[in-house]
Every structure is written in C-alpha cells, then in structure tokens.
Amino acid sequence: MTTTSTLTNLREVGGPGLQDARPRTVYRANTERVDADAYPHGLAAVVDLRRDDEVARVPHPLGNTDGYRLVPLFDPSTVESGAQAVQLDEQYIDWLERHRTGIAAAFRAIARSDGDVLVCCSAGKDRTGVVSGLLARLWGASIEAVGDDYAASAVGLADRFAAERAVSTDPEATAVAQRCVPETMTTVIRHVEARWGSVAAYLRWAGLTDAEIAAL
C-alpha cells in the first residue's frame, strides 16, 4: 500500500472566510491513502459518508481515531437509478428524499461534535458536496458562493478524473459523473428552497430537531 502526503480536495466548507466567526471549523475532503498528518490537526470528528465496501477497499487513514464515524449517506434499502439516466443535479435532488435518513445522520454527527469536523466521501465531490452545500447555505452563504465551493473540486480532482477517463469503458457516463460546475449545486439549493422554503426547513423535514439545527 502506498501513501501520499496531501489531500488534493481538502478545504473548509463554504470557501475562505465563511466560517471565521463560527465555534468550530468543518472541513470537506476526498479519501485517499494518505498519511494521518495530511489532515487538519485536532479534529474532534470525522464523518465518513462512504459505503462499507468503499471503506473496505480504502480504509480511512483516521479510521482508528476516537472521533471517526462511519455515516453512510446512501440508504442501502433503496435502489439507485442507472448512471446513464440523469445529470448530477437531478441525482442530487433525488438523494434529498431517497437518502434523507443518511443526510440527517450526517448533519446530526456534525451537530454533536464538540470541535472541528471533517466530512468526507470517496472523491469529496458528490455526497460531501451535497452535505457541504446545504451546510454552507444554512450558515448564510450566497447561492453563488455555494456553487463556487462545489466547483472548486474540479481543480482538486483533476488528476483523479484524468486517471478515471483513461480507463473508462463508458466515456459518456464518466463525463456525467465528473461534471463539476457551479450550476449543479446552485440548482440543488434552489430546489431545496422552492420545495421546503429553506435548508433549515428541509433538515427538520428530514428528522433533525431545532436544537440539532442550532448546534450546527
């Protein structure tokens, strides 16, 4: 097993400055075989949104720490639509209802932390992107800033995406999966606010209490 010293898609949720006055810092990242010191020091919690099989293939480098929590976003009782069927914003919007239990569990894990938090999945773009986008908007980030934070993953994942394209047997599906533009996440946030009124209202609908939302 080889390791590297950096995480290319690690950053603060919401972009620079959004969390400056907040009591904790929430980071977002991909998951790779990296050294433990690639992560911010002093994390109180690691919220890993991956499935069990993904964790088995690439164990989280902080998986043995006290704050590590495996909180799969995908509900294993549901069946995903075919990858060829829809664009990413449509997939993410589907997740809001199909995987609301996992989304609520992720937010609950963040709310219960007494310090800095890392939220991660495999690439740090899709599952992490949805949680991060909702969280940043809840904190008051503009829709444009949420979109820009999502799109920043295109730079962080450039090498990973190139490697995936090189071995892909379905270039069209790969292109859909790798799409990383602001409009994807701004469409999701606008849907949330049209459907539920606000991110806070969506989280209540998903099962969070007012106290849990306030703790975020």
C-alpha atoms as a PDB file:
ATOM      1  CA  MET A   1       0.000   0.000   0.000  1.00  0.00           C
ATOM      2  CA  THR A   2       1.372   3.407  -0.968  1.00  0.00           C
ATOM      3  CA  THR A   3       0.528   6.654   0.759  1.00  0.00           C
ATOM      4  CA  THR A   4       0.856  10.304  -0.147  1.00  0.00           C
ATOM      5  CA  SER A   5       1.283  13.369   1.999  1.00  0.00           C
ATOM      6  CA  THR A   6      -1.520  15.567   0.647  1.00  0.00           C
ATOM      7  CA  LEU A   7      -5.256  15.516   0.027  1.00  0.00           C
ATOM      8  CA  THR A   8      -5.956  17.378  -3.191  1.00  0.00           C
ATOM      9  CA  ASN A   9      -9.633  18.095  -2.436  1.00  0.00           C
ATOM     10  CA  LEU A  10      -9.357  19.198   1.199  1.00  0.00           C
ATOM     11  CA  ARG A  11     -10.717  22.638   2.167  1.00  0.00           C
ATOM     12  CA  GLU A  12     -13.058  24.435   4.535  1.00  0.00           C
ATOM     13  CA  VAL A  13     -16.763  24.056   3.777  1.00  0.00           C
ATOM     14  CA  GLY A  14     -18.155  27.116   2.043  1.00  0.00           C
ATOM     15  CA  GLY A  15     -14.895  28.642   0.925  1.00  0.00           C
ATOM     16  CA  PRO A  16     -12.450  31.050   2.567  1.00  0.00           C
ATOM     17  CA  GLY A  17     -13.801  33.224   5.357  1.00  0.00           C
ATOM     18  CA  LEU A  18     -17.302  31.776   5.697  1.00  0.00           C
ATOM     19  CA  GLN A  19     -16.545  30.046   8.995  1.00  0.00           C
ATOM     20  CA  ASP A  20     -14.251  32.661  10.549  1.00  0.00           C
ATOM     21  CA  ALA A  21     -16.697  33.566  13.333  1.00  0.00           C
ATOM     22  CA  ARG A  22     -18.038  30.082  13.928  1.00  0.00           C
ATOM     23  CA  PRO A  23     -17.199  27.988  17.034  1.00  0.00           C
ATOM     24  CA  ARG A  24     -15.867  25.067  15.006  1.00  0.00           C
ATOM     25  CA  THR A  25     -14.417  24.565  11.551  1.00  0.00           C
ATOM     26  CA  VAL A  26     -15.954  21.967   9.256  1.00  0.00           C
ATOM     27  CA  TYR A  27     -13.700  20.681   6.503  1.00  0.00           C
ATOM     28  CA  ARG A  28     -14.560  18.687   3.387  1.00  0.00           C
ATOM     29  CA  ALA A  29     -12.259  16.217   1.652  1.00  0.00           C
ATOM     30  CA  ASN A  30     -11.775  13.242  -0.585  1.00  0.00           C
ATOM     31  CA  THR A  31     -10.482   9.966   0.875  1.00  0.00           C
ATOM     32  CA  GLU A  32      -7.159   8.581  -0.304  1.00  0.00           C
ATOM     33  CA  ARG A  33      -4.332   6.500   1.085  1.00  0.00           C
ATOM     34  CA  VAL A  34      -2.598   9.425   2.780  1.00  0.00           C
ATOM     35  CA  ASP A  35      -0.628   9.867   5.956  1.00  0.00           C
ATOM     36  CA  ALA A  36      -2.595  10.973   9.013  1.00  0.00           C
ATOM     37  CA  ASP A  37      -0.747  14.291   9.060  1.00  0.00           C
ATOM     38  CA  ALA A  38      -2.368  15.188   5.738  1.00  0.00           C
ATOM     39  CA  TYR A  39      -5.455  16.142   7.768  1.00  0.00           C
ATOM     40  CA  PRO A  40      -6.027  19.242   9.902  1.00  0.00           C
ATOM     41  CA  HIS A  41      -4.757  18.691  13.428  1.00  0.00           C
ATOM     42  CA  GLY A  42      -7.128  18.369  16.358  1.00  0.00           C
ATOM     43  CA  LEU A  43     -10.212  17.071  14.570  1.00  0.00           C
ATOM     44  CA  ALA A  44     -12.950  16.155  17.029  1.00  0.00           C
ATOM     45  CA  ALA A  45     -14.918  14.143  14.475  1.00  0.00           C
ATOM     46  CA  VAL A  46     -14.537  12.523  11.070  1.00  0.00           C
ATOM     47  CA  VAL A  47     -17.868  11.915   9.308  1.00  0.00           C
ATOM     48  CA  ASP A  48     -17.249   9.356   6.571  1.00  0.00           C
ATOM     49  CA  LEU A  49     -20.174   9.207   4.133  1.00  0.00           C
ATOM     50  CA  ARG A  50     -18.948   6.179   2.183  1.00  0.00           C
ATOM     51  CA  ARG A  51     -20.470   2.695   1.965  1.00  0.00           C
ATOM     52  CA  ASP A  52     -18.999  -0.274   3.812  1.00  0.00           C
ATOM     53  CA  ASP A  53     -17.495  -1.718   0.630  1.00  0.00           C
ATOM     54  CA  GLU A  54     -15.728   1.556  -0.145  1.00  0.00           C
ATOM     55  CA  VAL A  55     -14.261   1.656   3.343  1.00  0.00           C
ATOM     56  CA  ALA A  56     -13.087  -1.937   2.956  1.00  0.00           C
ATOM     57  CA  ARG A  57     -11.233  -1.014  -0.251  1.00  0.00           C
ATOM     58  CA  VAL A  58      -9.703   2.186   1.121  1.00  0.00           C
ATOM     59  CA  PRO A  59      -9.767   2.306   4.925  1.00  0.00           C
ATOM     60  CA  HIS A  60      -9.877   5.846   6.219  1.00  0.00           C
ATOM     61  CA  PRO A  61      -6.464   6.981   7.470  1.00  0.00           C
ATOM     62  CA  LEU A  62      -8.167   8.313  10.630  1.00  0.00           C
ATOM     63  CA  GLY A  63     -10.448   5.303  10.976  1.00  0.00           C
ATOM     64  CA  ASN A  64      -8.860   4.204  14.243  1.00  0.00           C
ATOM     65  CA  THR A  65      -9.238   7.568  15.980  1.00  0.00           C
ATOM     66  CA  ASP A  66     -11.864   8.157  18.662  1.00  0.00           C
ATOM     67  CA  GLY A  67     -13.748  10.707  16.583  1.00  0.00           C
ATOM     68  CA  TYR A  68     -14.169   8.594  13.457  1.00  0.00           C
ATOM     69  CA  ARG A  69     -17.803   7.949  12.500  1.00  0.00           C
ATOM     70  CA  LEU A  70     -18.939   5.877   9.519  1.00  0.00           C
ATOM     71  CA  VAL A  71     -22.212   7.515   8.486  1.00  0.00           C
ATOM     72  CA  PRO A  72     -23.142   6.143   5.031  1.00  0.00           C
ATOM     73  CA  LEU A  73     -25.191   8.706   3.164  1.00  0.00           C
ATOM     74  CA  PHE A  74     -26.733   6.166   0.814  1.00  0.00           C
ATOM     75  CA  ASP A  75     -29.668   4.249   2.239  1.00  0.00           C
ATOM     76  CA  PRO A  76     -28.910   0.576   1.457  1.00  0.00           C
ATOM     77  CA  SER A  77     -32.641  -0.242   1.327  1.00  0.00           C
ATOM     78  CA  THR A  78     -33.108   1.868  -1.811  1.00  0.00           C
ATOM     79  CA  VAL A  79     -32.075   1.219  -5.386  1.00  0.00           C
ATOM     80  CA  GLU A  80     -30.190   3.885  -7.315  1.00  0.00           C
ATOM     81  CA  SER A  81     -31.287   4.882 -10.793  1.00  0.00           C
ATOM     82  CA  GLY A  82     -28.998   3.937 -13.648  1.00  0.00           C
ATOM     83  CA  ALA A  83     -25.921   6.121 -14.070  1.00  0.00           C
ATOM     84  CA  GLN A  84     -26.887   6.794 -17.673  1.00  0.00           C
ATOM     85  CA  ALA A  85     -30.271   8.197 -16.759  1.00  0.00           C
ATOM     86  CA  VAL A  86     -29.771  11.642 -15.273  1.00  0.00           C
ATOM     87  CA  GLN A  87     -27.451  14.577 -14.786  1.00  0.00           C
ATOM     88  CA  LEU A  88     -25.792  15.198 -11.431  1.00  0.00           C
ATOM     89  CA  ASP A  89     -28.166  17.906 -10.246  1.00  0.00           C
ATOM     90  CA  GLU A  90     -31.063  15.511 -10.846  1.00  0.00           C
ATOM     91  CA  GLN A  91     -29.254  12.777  -8.933  1.00  0.00           C
ATOM     92  CA  TYR A  92     -28.528  15.082  -6.009  1.00  0.00           C
ATOM     93  CA  ILE A  93     -32.122  16.295  -5.885  1.00  0.00           C
ATOM     94  CA  ASP A  94     -33.255  12.665  -5.843  1.00  0.00           C
ATOM     95  CA  TRP A  95     -30.889  11.991  -2.934  1.00  0.00           C
ATOM     96  CA  LEU A  96     -32.534  14.723  -0.844  1.00  0.00           C
ATOM     97  CA  GLU A  97     -35.568  12.496  -0.421  1.00  0.00           C
ATOM     98  CA  ARG A  98     -34.258   8.997  -1.192  1.00  0.00           C
ATOM     99  CA  HIS A  99     -31.338   9.346   1.228  1.00  0.00           C
ATOM    100  CA  ARG A 100     -32.772  11.811   3.719  1.00  0.00           C
ATOM    101  CA  THR A 101     -32.032   9.443   6.606  1.00  0.00           C
ATOM    102  CA  GLY A 102     -28.338   9.359   5.755  1.00  0.00           C
ATOM    103  CA  ILE A 103     -28.219  13.110   5.194  1.00  0.00           C
ATOM    104  CA  ALA A 104     -29.887  13.704   8.552  1.00  0.00           C
ATOM    105  CA  ALA A 105     -27.448  11.328  10.250  1.00  0.00           C
ATOM    106  CA  ALA A 106     -24.504  13.214   8.764  1.00  0.00           C
ATOM    107  CA  PHE A 107     -25.804  16.555   9.999  1.00  0.00           C
ATOM    108  CA  ARG A 108     -26.566  15.071  13.402  1.00  0.00           C
ATOM    109  CA  ALA A 109     -22.991  13.809  13.680  1.00  0.00           C
ATOM    110  CA  ILE A 110     -21.675  17.294  12.886  1.00  0.00           C
ATOM    111  CA  ALA A 111     -24.052  18.924  15.375  1.00  0.00           C
ATOM    112  CA  ARG A 112     -22.960  16.590  18.177  1.00  0.00           C
ATOM    113  CA  SER A 113     -19.278  17.301  17.702  1.00  0.00           C
ATOM    114  CA  ASP A 114     -17.543  19.477  20.286  1.00  0.00           C
ATOM    115  CA  GLY A 115     -14.793  20.615  17.932  1.00  0.00           C
ATOM    116  CA  ASP A 116     -13.585  20.710  14.348  1.00  0.00           C
ATOM    117  CA  VAL A 117     -15.105  18.213  11.910  1.00  0.00           C
ATOM    118  CA  LEU A 118     -14.063  16.573   8.650  1.00  0.00           C
ATOM    119  CA  VAL A 119     -16.797  15.434   6.247  1.00  0.00           C
ATOM    120  CA  CYS A 120     -15.605  13.110   3.508  1.00  0.00           C
ATOM    121  CA  CYS A 121     -16.575  10.538   0.924  1.00  0.00           C
ATOM    122  CA  SER A 122     -14.591   8.987  -1.899  1.00  0.00           C
ATOM    123  CA  ALA A 123     -13.937  11.958  -4.191  1.00  0.00           C
ATOM    124  CA  GLY A 124     -15.218  14.611  -1.787  1.00  0.00           C
ATOM    125  CA  LYS A 125     -17.456  16.000  -4.531  1.00  0.00           C
ATOM    126  CA  ASP A 126     -20.871  14.349  -4.655  1.00  0.00           C
ATOM    127  CA  ARG A 127     -22.063  13.120  -1.249  1.00  0.00           C
ATOM    128  CA  THR A 128     -19.708  15.514   0.510  1.00  0.00           C
ATOM    129  CA  GLY A 129     -20.749  18.198  -1.964  1.00  0.00           C
ATOM    130  CA  VAL A 130     -24.437  17.882  -1.100  1.00  0.00           C
ATOM    131  CA  VAL A 131     -23.810  17.978   2.661  1.00  0.00           C
ATOM    132  CA  SER A 132     -21.358  20.860   2.285  1.00  0.00           C
ATOM    133  CA  GLY A 133     -23.661  22.855   0.024  1.00  0.00           C
ATOM    134  CA  LEU A 134     -26.591  22.514   2.408  1.00  0.00           C
ATOM    135  CA  LEU A 135     -24.429  23.373   5.404  1.00  0.00           C
ATOM    136  CA  ALA A 136     -22.884  26.454   3.783  1.00  0.00           C
ATOM    137  CA  ARG A 137     -26.298  27.744   2.738  1.00  0.00           C
ATOM    138  CA  LEU A 138     -27.650  27.097   6.252  1.00  0.00           C
ATOM    139  CA  TRP A 139     -24.821  29.295   7.559  1.00  0.00           C
ATOM    140  CA  GLY A 140     -25.806  32.108   5.218  1.00  0.00           C
ATOM    141  CA  ALA A 141     -23.501  31.655   2.227  1.00  0.00           C
ATOM    142  CA  SER A 142     -24.865  33.088  -1.006  1.00  0.00           C
ATOM    143  CA  ILE A 143     -26.074  30.638  -3.605  1.00  0.00           C
ATOM    144  CA  GLU A 144     -23.226  31.790  -5.828  1.00  0.00           C
ATOM    145  CA  ALA A 145     -20.654  31.043  -3.109  1.00  0.00           C
ATOM    146  CA  VAL A 146     -22.140  27.575  -2.594  1.00  0.00           C
ATOM    147  CA  GLY A 147     -21.801  26.918  -6.311  1.00  0.00           C
ATOM    148  CA  ASP A 148     -18.225  28.162  -6.388  1.00  0.00           C
ATOM    149  CA  ASP A 149     -17.254  25.933  -3.451  1.00  0.00           C
ATOM    150  CA  TYR A 150     -18.729  22.918  -5.203  1.00  0.00           C
ATOM    151  CA  ALA A 151     -16.940  23.714  -8.465  1.00  0.00           C
ATOM    152  CA  ALA A 152     -13.575  24.032  -6.689  1.00  0.00           C
ATOM    153  CA  SER A 153     -13.447  20.228  -6.631  1.00  0.00           C
ATOM    154  CA  ALA A 154     -12.752  20.266 -10.376  1.00  0.00           C
ATOM    155  CA  VAL A 155      -9.247  21.530  -9.651  1.00  0.00           C
ATOM    156  CA  GLY A 156      -8.634  19.259  -6.689  1.00  0.00           C
ATOM    157  CA  LEU A 157      -9.740  16.172  -8.592  1.00  0.00           C
ATOM    158  CA  ALA A 158      -8.140  16.920 -11.965  1.00  0.00           C
ATOM    159  CA  ASP A 159      -5.550  14.135 -11.746  1.00  0.00           C
ATOM    160  CA  ARG A 160      -8.038  11.630 -10.363  1.00  0.00           C
ATOM    161  CA  PHE A 161     -10.529  12.449 -13.105  1.00  0.00           C
ATOM    162  CA  ALA A 162      -7.870  12.083 -15.806  1.00  0.00           C
ATOM    163  CA  ALA A 163      -6.989   8.626 -14.486  1.00  0.00           C
ATOM    164  CA  GLU A 164     -10.663   7.614 -14.461  1.00  0.00           C
ATOM    165  CA  ARG A 165     -11.170   8.787 -18.050  1.00  0.00           C
ATOM    166  CA  ALA A 166      -8.127   6.841 -19.179  1.00  0.00           C
ATOM    167  CA  VAL A 167      -9.666   3.529 -18.107  1.00  0.00           C
ATOM    168  CA  SER A 168     -13.359   4.301 -18.627  1.00  0.00           C
ATOM    169  CA  THR A 169     -15.389   1.957 -20.812  1.00  0.00           C
ATOM    170  CA  ASP A 170     -18.309   4.415 -20.821  1.00  0.00           C
ATOM    171  CA  PRO A 171     -16.982   7.906 -21.588  1.00  0.00           C
ATOM    172  CA  GLU A 172     -20.465   9.451 -21.574  1.00  0.00           C
ATOM    173  CA  ALA A 173     -21.274   8.200 -18.064  1.00  0.00           C
ATOM    174  CA  THR A 174     -17.825   9.214 -16.858  1.00  0.00           C
ATOM    175  CA  ALA A 175     -18.348  12.726 -18.223  1.00  0.00           C
ATOM    176  CA  VAL A 176     -21.659  12.973 -16.358  1.00  0.00           C
ATOM    177  CA  ALA A 177     -20.117  11.745 -13.108  1.00  0.00           C
ATOM    178  CA  GLN A 178     -17.158  14.109 -13.351  1.00  0.00           C
ATOM    179  CA  ARG A 179     -19.111  17.247 -14.214  1.00  0.00           C
ATOM    180  CA  CYS A 180     -18.251  19.865 -11.602  1.00  0.00           C
ATOM    181  CA  VAL A 181     -19.698  23.299 -12.335  1.00  0.00           C
ATOM    182  CA  PRO A 182     -21.385  25.834 -10.021  1.00  0.00           C
ATOM    183  CA  GLU A 183     -24.786  25.403 -11.669  1.00  0.00           C
ATOM    184  CA  THR A 184     -25.062  21.828 -10.429  1.00  0.00           C
ATOM    185  CA  MET A 185     -25.141  22.794  -6.765  1.00  0.00           C
ATOM    186  CA  THR A 186     -26.971  26.091  -7.213  1.00  0.00           C
ATOM    187  CA  THR A 187     -29.768  24.128  -8.898  1.00  0.00           C
ATOM    188  CA  VAL A 188     -29.934  21.828  -5.867  1.00  0.00           C
ATOM    189  CA  ILE A 189     -30.084  24.708  -3.384  1.00  0.00           C
ATOM    190  CA  ARG A 190     -32.769  26.482  -5.386  1.00  0.00           C
ATOM    191  CA  HIS A 191     -34.776  23.252  -5.428  1.00  0.00           C
ATOM    192  CA  VAL A 192     -34.473  22.911  -1.648  1.00  0.00           C
ATOM    193  CA  GLU A 193     -35.700  26.448  -1.111  1.00  0.00           C
ATOM    194  CA  ALA A 194     -38.552  26.090  -3.595  1.00  0.00           C
ATOM    195  CA  ARG A 195     -39.644  22.721  -2.172  1.00  0.00           C
ATOM    196  CA  TRP A 196     -39.116  23.266   1.580  1.00  0.00           C
ATOM    197  CA  GLY A 197     -38.576  27.008   1.966  1.00  0.00           C
ATOM    198  CA  SER A 198     -35.081  26.837   3.460  1.00  0.00           C
ATOM    199  CA  VAL A 199     -32.286  24.425   4.296  1.00  0.00           C
ATOM    200  CA  ALA A 200     -33.355  24.513   7.950  1.00  0.00           C
ATOM    201  CA  ALA A 201     -36.892  23.513   6.971  1.00  0.00           C
ATOM    202  CA  TYR A 202     -35.521  20.678   4.837  1.00  0.00           C
ATOM    203  CA  LEU A 203     -33.431  19.396   7.746  1.00  0.00           C
ATOM    204  CA  ARG A 204     -36.471  19.478  10.034  1.00  0.00           C
ATOM    205  CA  TRP A 205     -38.402  17.506   7.428  1.00  0.00           C
ATOM    206  CA  ALA A 206     -35.511  15.012   7.276  1.00  0.00           C
ATOM    207  CA  GLY A 207     -35.714  14.487  11.030  1.00  0.00           C
ATOM    208  CA  LEU A 208     -33.428  16.977  12.781  1.00  0.00           C
ATOM    209  CA  THR A 209     -34.670  18.854  15.827  1.00  0.00           C
ATOM    210  CA  ASP A 210     -34.446  22.614  16.203  1.00  0.00           C
ATOM    211  CA  ALA A 211     -31.758  22.097  18.853  1.00  0.00           C
ATOM    212  CA  GLU A 212     -29.667  19.981  16.460  1.00  0.00           C
ATOM    213  CA  ILE A 213     -30.007  22.576  13.713  1.00  0.00           C
ATOM    214  CA  ALA A 214     -28.997  25.346  16.110  1.00  0.00           C
ATOM    215  CA  ALA A 215     -25.934  23.309  17.142  1.00  0.00           C
ATOM    216  CA  LEU A 216     -24.681  23.281  13.554  1.00  0.00           C
END
